[in-house]
Amino acid sequence: KDPRFSPIGEEELDKLTISVDVLGDM
């Protein structure tokens, strides 16, 4: 749903690196 990009397809899965940011208090 990122409007800057098309949805990720199955053929791309092996090429992805992922990070997760857990936000602290504002």
PDB file of all heavy atoms in Angstrom:
ATOM      1  N   LYS A   1       0.788  -1.241   0.000  1.00  0.00           N
ATOM      2  CA  LYS A   1       0.000   0.000   0.000  1.00  0.00           C
ATOM      3  C   LYS A   1       0.816   1.284   0.000  1.00  0.00           C
ATOM      4  O   LYS A   1       0.234   2.366   0.059  1.00  0.00           O
ATOM      5  CB  LYS A   1      -0.946   0.004   1.207  1.00  0.00           C
ATOM      6  CG  LYS A   1      -1.990  -1.086   1.115  1.00  0.00           C
ATOM      7  CD  LYS A   1      -2.943  -1.034   2.273  1.00  0.00           C
ATOM      8  CE  LYS A   1      -3.988  -2.126   2.101  1.00  0.00           C
ATOM      9  NZ  LYS A   1      -4.446  -2.686   3.342  1.00  0.00           N
ATOM     10  N   ASP A   2       2.151   1.176  -0.044  1.00  0.00           N
ATOM     11  CA  ASP A   2       2.957   2.401  -0.119  1.00  0.00           C
ATOM     12  C   ASP A   2       2.678   3.017  -1.487  1.00  0.00           C
ATOM     13  O   ASP A   2       2.978   2.403  -2.514  1.00  0.00           O
ATOM     14  CB  ASP A   2       4.446   2.066   0.058  1.00  0.00           C
ATOM     15  CG  ASP A   2       5.301   3.315   0.185  1.00  0.00           C
ATOM     16  OD1 ASP A   2       4.987   4.340  -0.481  1.00  0.00           O
ATOM     17  OD2 ASP A   2       6.298   3.280   0.931  1.00  0.00           O
ATOM     18  N   PRO A   3       2.096   4.230  -1.516  1.00  0.00           N
ATOM     19  CA  PRO A   3       1.683   4.812  -2.802  1.00  0.00           C
ATOM     20  C   PRO A   3       2.852   5.115  -3.753  1.00  0.00           C
ATOM     21  O   PRO A   3       2.639   5.331  -4.944  1.00  0.00           O
ATOM     22  CB  PRO A   3       0.944   6.092  -2.404  1.00  0.00           C
ATOM     23  CG  PRO A   3       1.427   6.406  -1.028  1.00  0.00           C
ATOM     24  CD  PRO A   3       1.784   5.100  -0.386  1.00  0.00           C
ATOM     25  N   ARG A   4       4.065   5.097  -3.252  1.00  0.00           N
ATOM     26  CA  ARG A   4       5.237   5.371  -4.098  1.00  0.00           C
ATOM     27  C   ARG A   4       5.642   4.161  -4.937  1.00  0.00           C
ATOM     28  O   ARG A   4       6.455   4.304  -5.854  1.00  0.00           O
ATOM     29  CB  ARG A   4       6.425   5.801  -3.230  1.00  0.00           C
ATOM     30  CG  ARG A   4       6.148   7.077  -2.432  1.00  0.00           C
ATOM     31  CD  ARG A   4       7.212   7.324  -1.391  1.00  0.00           C
ATOM     32  NE  ARG A   4       7.119   6.336  -0.304  1.00  0.00           N
ATOM     33  CZ  ARG A   4       7.887   6.343   0.771  1.00  0.00           C
ATOM     34  NH1 ARG A   4       8.814   7.272   0.922  1.00  0.00           N
ATOM     35  NH2 ARG A   4       7.738   5.419   1.713  1.00  0.00           N
ATOM     36  N   PHE A   5       5.114   2.968  -4.609  1.00  0.00           N
ATOM     37  CA  PHE A   5       5.583   1.736  -5.240  1.00  0.00           C
ATOM     38  C   PHE A   5       4.410   0.825  -5.595  1.00  0.00           C
ATOM     39  O   PHE A   5       3.362   0.882  -4.976  1.00  0.00           O
ATOM     40  CB  PHE A   5       6.513   0.966  -4.278  1.00  0.00           C
ATOM     41  CG  PHE A   5       7.663   1.776  -3.774  1.00  0.00           C
ATOM     42  CD1 PHE A   5       7.623   2.341  -2.500  1.00  0.00           C
ATOM     43  CD2 PHE A   5       8.787   1.987  -4.554  1.00  0.00           C
ATOM     44  CE1 PHE A   5       8.683   3.099  -2.022  1.00  0.00           C
ATOM     45  CE2 PHE A   5       9.853   2.740  -4.081  1.00  0.00           C
ATOM     46  CZ  PHE A   5       9.806   3.290  -2.818  1.00  0.00           C
ATOM     47  N   SER A   6       4.662  -0.056  -6.557  1.00  0.00           N
ATOM     48  CA  SER A   6       3.682  -1.101  -6.856  1.00  0.00           C
ATOM     49  C   SER A   6       3.799  -2.184  -5.780  1.00  0.00           C
ATOM     50  O   SER A   6       4.837  -2.294  -5.114  1.00  0.00           O
ATOM     51  CB  SER A   6       3.956  -1.694  -8.243  1.00  0.00           C
ATOM     52  OG  SER A   6       5.258  -2.253  -8.279  1.00  0.00           O
ATOM     53  N   PRO A   7       2.755  -2.989  -5.606  1.00  0.00           N
ATOM     54  CA  PRO A   7       2.837  -4.065  -4.598  1.00  0.00           C
ATOM     55  C   PRO A   7       3.998  -5.022  -4.894  1.00  0.00           C
ATOM     56  O   PRO A   7       4.329  -5.276  -6.054  1.00  0.00           O
ATOM     57  CB  PRO A   7       1.488  -4.775  -4.739  1.00  0.00           C
ATOM     58  CG  PRO A   7       0.565  -3.736  -5.287  1.00  0.00           C
ATOM     59  CD  PRO A   7       1.425  -2.906  -6.211  1.00  0.00           C
ATOM     60  N   ILE A   8       4.590  -5.535  -3.851  1.00  0.00           N
ATOM     61  CA  ILE A   8       5.708  -6.473  -3.992  1.00  0.00           C
ATOM     62  C   ILE A   8       5.179  -7.803  -4.499  1.00  0.00           C
ATOM     63  O   ILE A   8       4.192  -8.327  -3.985  1.00  0.00           O
ATOM     64  CB  ILE A   8       6.441  -6.618  -2.644  1.00  0.00           C
ATOM     65  CG1 ILE A   8       7.220  -5.327  -2.376  1.00  0.00           C
ATOM     66  CG2 ILE A   8       7.362  -7.843  -2.633  1.00  0.00           C
ATOM     67  CD1 ILE A   8       7.881  -5.254  -1.035  1.00  0.00           C
ATOM     68  N   GLY A   9       5.874  -8.325  -5.513  1.00  0.00           N
ATOM     69  CA  GLY A   9       5.479  -9.598  -6.096  1.00  0.00           C
ATOM     70  C   GLY A   9       6.311 -10.744  -5.551  1.00  0.00           C
ATOM     71  O   GLY A   9       7.413 -10.541  -5.017  1.00  0.00           O
ATOM     72  N   GLU A  10       5.800 -11.944  -5.726  1.00  0.00           N
ATOM     73  CA  GLU A  10       6.455 -13.149  -5.217  1.00  0.00           C
ATOM     74  C   GLU A  10       7.875 -13.290  -5.757  1.00  0.00           C
ATOM     75  O   GLU A  10       8.776 -13.743  -5.048  1.00  0.00           O
ATOM     76  CB  GLU A  10       5.607 -14.365  -5.597  1.00  0.00           C
ATOM     77  CG  GLU A  10       5.931 -15.597  -4.839  1.00  0.00           C
ATOM     78  CD  GLU A  10       4.951 -16.733  -5.105  1.00  0.00           C
ATOM     79  OE1 GLU A  10       3.849 -16.495  -5.640  1.00  0.00           O
ATOM     80  OE2 GLU A  10       5.323 -17.860  -4.765  1.00  0.00           O
ATOM     81  N   GLU A  11       8.092 -12.869  -6.996  1.00  0.00           N
ATOM     82  CA  GLU A  11       9.413 -12.999  -7.625  1.00  0.00           C
ATOM     83  C   GLU A  11      10.468 -12.096  -6.979  1.00  0.00           C
ATOM     84  O   GLU A  11      11.671 -12.300  -7.184  1.00  0.00           O
ATOM     85  CB  GLU A  11       9.319 -12.709  -9.132  1.00  0.00           C
ATOM     86  CG  GLU A  11       9.054 -11.248  -9.497  1.00  0.00           C
ATOM     87  CD  GLU A  11       7.612 -10.749  -9.264  1.00  0.00           C
ATOM     88  OE1 GLU A  11       6.721 -11.573  -8.923  1.00  0.00           O
ATOM     89  OE2 GLU A  11       7.394  -9.538  -9.408  1.00  0.00           O
ATOM     90  N   GLU A  12      10.060 -11.130  -6.188  1.00  0.00           N
ATOM     91  CA  GLU A  12      11.002 -10.209  -5.538  1.00  0.00           C
ATOM     92  C   GLU A  12      11.436 -10.658  -4.146  1.00  0.00           C
ATOM     93  O   GLU A  12      12.376 -10.099  -3.583  1.00  0.00           O
ATOM     94  CB  GLU A  12      10.358  -8.816  -5.382  1.00  0.00           C
ATOM     95  CG  GLU A  12       9.993  -8.138  -6.674  1.00  0.00           C
ATOM     96  CD  GLU A  12       9.296  -6.832  -6.395  1.00  0.00           C
ATOM     97  OE1 GLU A  12      10.008  -5.821  -6.194  1.00  0.00           O
ATOM     98  OE2 GLU A  12       8.050  -6.806  -6.346  1.00  0.00           O
ATOM     99  N   LEU A  13      10.769 -11.616  -3.567  1.00  0.00           N
ATOM    100  CA  LEU A  13      10.938 -11.933  -2.145  1.00  0.00           C
ATOM    101  C   LEU A  13      12.384 -12.232  -1.757  1.00  0.00           C
ATOM    102  O   LEU A  13      12.826 -11.822  -0.685  1.00  0.00           O
ATOM    103  CB  LEU A  13      10.018 -13.083  -1.743  1.00  0.00           C
ATOM    104  CG  LEU A  13       8.522 -12.770  -1.841  1.00  0.00           C
ATOM    105  CD1 LEU A  13       7.699 -14.010  -1.526  1.00  0.00           C
ATOM    106  CD2 LEU A  13       8.133 -11.601  -0.949  1.00  0.00           C
ATOM    107  N   ASP A  14      13.142 -12.916  -2.594  1.00  0.00           N
ATOM    108  CA  ASP A  14      14.534 -13.257  -2.274  1.00  0.00           C
ATOM    109  C   ASP A  14      15.473 -12.061  -2.324  1.00  0.00           C
ATOM    110  O   ASP A  14      16.608 -12.157  -1.883  1.00  0.00           O
ATOM    111  CB  ASP A  14      15.057 -14.343  -3.221  1.00  0.00           C
ATOM    112  CG  ASP A  14      14.444 -15.697  -2.915  1.00  0.00           C
ATOM    113  OD1 ASP A  14      13.901 -15.865  -1.807  1.00  0.00           O
ATOM    114  OD2 ASP A  14      14.511 -16.576  -3.790  1.00  0.00           O
ATOM    115  N   LYS A  15      15.004 -10.942  -2.863  1.00  0.00           N
ATOM    116  CA  LYS A  15      15.866  -9.770  -3.027  1.00  0.00           C
ATOM    117  C   LYS A  15      15.624  -8.694  -1.964  1.00  0.00           C
ATOM    118  O   LYS A  15      16.220  -7.631  -2.017  1.00  0.00           O
ATOM    119  CB  LYS A  15      15.639  -9.159  -4.415  1.00  0.00           C
ATOM    120  CG  LYS A  15      15.955 -10.101  -5.558  1.00  0.00           C
ATOM    121  CD  LYS A  15      15.652  -9.434  -6.887  1.00  0.00           C
ATOM    122  CE  LYS A  15      15.935 -10.373  -8.035  1.00  0.00           C
ATOM    123  NZ  LYS A  15      14.738 -11.041  -8.530  1.00  0.00           N
ATOM    124  N   LEU A  16      14.749  -8.974  -1.000  1.00  0.00           N
ATOM    125  CA  LEU A  16      14.337  -7.939  -0.043  1.00  0.00           C
ATOM    126  C   LEU A  16      15.149  -7.979   1.245  1.00  0.00           C
ATOM    127  O   LEU A  16      15.472  -9.046   1.754  1.00  0.00           O
ATOM    128  CB  LEU A  16      12.858  -8.112   0.306  1.00  0.00           C
ATOM    129  CG  LEU A  16      11.874  -8.101  -0.854  1.00  0.00           C
ATOM    130  CD1 LEU A  16      10.459  -8.325  -0.334  1.00  0.00           C
ATOM    131  CD2 LEU A  16      11.964  -6.815  -1.657  1.00  0.00           C
ATOM    132  N   THR A  17      15.474  -6.793   1.743  1.00  0.00           N
ATOM    133  CA  THR A  17      15.984  -6.656   3.104  1.00  0.00           C
ATOM    134  C   THR A  17      14.936  -5.845   3.878  1.00  0.00           C
ATOM    135  O   THR A  17      14.327  -4.919   3.339  1.00  0.00           O
ATOM    136  CB  THR A  17      17.358  -5.963   3.169  1.00  0.00           C
ATOM    137  OG1 THR A  17      17.286  -4.722   2.478  1.00  0.00           O
ATOM    138  CG2 THR A  17      18.444  -6.817   2.558  1.00  0.00           C
ATOM    139  N   ILE A  18      14.739  -6.221   5.126  1.00  0.00           N
ATOM    140  CA  ILE A  18      13.649  -5.659   5.917  1.00  0.00           C
ATOM    141  C   ILE A  18      14.196  -5.172   7.252  1.00  0.00           C
ATOM    142  O   ILE A  18      15.047  -5.829   7.855  1.00  0.00           O
ATOM    143  CB  ILE A  18      12.561  -6.730   6.141  1.00  0.00           C
ATOM    144  CG1 ILE A  18      11.986  -7.160   4.786  1.00  0.00           C
ATOM    145  CG2 ILE A  18      11.455  -6.214   7.061  1.00  0.00           C
ATOM    146  CD1 ILE A  18      11.192  -8.434   4.828  1.00  0.00           C
ATOM    147  N   SER A  19      13.696  -4.022   7.692  1.00  0.00           N
ATOM    148  CA  SER A  19      13.984  -3.569   9.050  1.00  0.00           C
ATOM    149  C   SER A  19      12.670  -3.162   9.703  1.00  0.00           C
ATOM    150  O   SER A  19      11.704  -2.810   9.022  1.00  0.00           O
ATOM    151  CB  SER A  19      14.993  -2.412   9.063  1.00  0.00           C
ATOM    152  OG  SER A  19      14.482  -1.285   8.384  1.00  0.00           O
ATOM    153  N   VAL A  20      12.649  -3.250  11.018  1.00  0.00           N
ATOM    154  CA  VAL A  20      11.467  -2.897  11.802  1.00  0.00           C
ATOM    155  C   VAL A  20      11.910  -1.886  12.857  1.00  0.00           C
ATOM    156  O   VAL A  20      12.829  -2.161  13.637  1.00  0.00           O
ATOM    157  CB  VAL A  20      10.853  -4.149  12.482  1.00  0.00           C
ATOM    158  CG1 VAL A  20       9.691  -3.746  13.391  1.00  0.00           C
ATOM    159  CG2 VAL A  20      10.402  -5.167  11.434  1.00  0.00           C
ATOM    160  N   ASP A  21      11.257  -0.730  12.864  1.00  0.00           N
ATOM    161  CA  ASP A  21      11.529   0.307  13.857  1.00  0.00           C
ATOM    162  C   ASP A  21      10.367   0.358  14.846  1.00  0.00           C
ATOM    163  O   ASP A  21       9.223   0.542  14.442  1.00  0.00           O
ATOM    164  CB  ASP A  21      11.666   1.679  13.190  1.00  0.00           C
ATOM    165  CG  ASP A  21      12.954   1.823  12.421  1.00  0.00           C
ATOM    166  OD1 ASP A  21      14.011   1.774  13.052  1.00  0.00           O
ATOM    167  OD2 ASP A  21      12.902   1.983  11.180  1.00  0.00           O
ATOM    168  N   VAL A  22      10.685   0.194  16.126  1.00  0.00           N
ATOM    169  CA  VAL A  22       9.690   0.327  17.190  1.00  0.00           C
ATOM    170  C   VAL A  22       9.893   1.710  17.794  1.00  0.00           C
ATOM    171  O   VAL A  22      10.977   2.027  18.296  1.00  0.00           O
ATOM    172  CB  VAL A  22       9.849  -0.784  18.249  1.00  0.00           C
ATOM    173  CG1 VAL A  22       8.813  -0.605  19.357  1.00  0.00           C
ATOM    174  CG2 VAL A  22       9.718  -2.170  17.601  1.00  0.00           C
ATOM    175  N   LEU A  23       8.853   2.526  17.709  1.00  0.00           N
ATOM    176  CA  LEU A  23       8.956   3.920  18.131  1.00  0.00           C
ATOM    177  C   LEU A  23       8.792   4.071  19.633  1.00  0.00           C
ATOM    178  O   LEU A  23       7.939   3.425  20.237  1.00  0.00           O
ATOM    179  CB  LEU A  23       7.898   4.774  17.427  1.00  0.00           C
ATOM    180  CG  LEU A  23       8.207   5.224  15.997  1.00  0.00           C
ATOM    181  CD1 LEU A  23       8.432   4.065  15.054  1.00  0.00           C
ATOM    182  CD2 LEU A  23       7.108   6.130  15.477  1.00  0.00           C
ATOM    183  N   GLY A  24       9.612   4.952  20.186  1.00  0.00           N
ATOM    184  CA  GLY A  24       9.464   5.342  21.577  1.00  0.00           C
ATOM    185  C   GLY A  24       8.412   6.426  21.695  1.00  0.00           C
ATOM    186  O   GLY A  24       7.769   6.815  20.719  1.00  0.00           O
ATOM    187  N   ASP A  25       8.239   6.956  22.895  1.00  0.00           N
ATOM    188  CA  ASP A  25       7.245   7.998  23.142  1.00  0.00           C
ATOM    189  C   ASP A  25       7.594   9.277  22.407  1.00  0.00           C
ATOM    190  O   ASP A  25       8.772   9.631  22.264  1.00  0.00           O
ATOM    191  CB  ASP A  25       7.149   8.291  24.645  1.00  0.00           C
ATOM    192  CG  ASP A  25       6.566   7.123  25.417  1.00  0.00           C
ATOM    193  OD1 ASP A  25       5.813   6.322  24.821  1.00  0.00           O
ATOM    194  OD2 ASP A  25       6.876   7.004  26.614  1.00  0.00           O
ATOM    195  N   MET A  26       6.565   9.986  21.958  1.00  0.00           N
ATOM    196  CA  MET A  26       6.723  11.287  21.321  1.00  0.00           C
ATOM    197  C   MET A  26       6.971  12.343  22.396  1.00  0.00           C
ATOM    198  O   MET A  26       6.373  12.298  23.465  1.00  0.00           O
ATOM    199  CB  MET A  26       5.458  11.676  20.555  1.00  0.00           C
ATOM    200  CG  MET A  26       5.120  10.765  19.405  1.00  0.00           C
ATOM    201  SD  MET A  26       6.282  10.969  18.052  1.00  0.00           S
ATOM    202  CE  MET A  26       6.134   9.358  17.308  1.00  0.00           C
TER     203      MET A  26
END
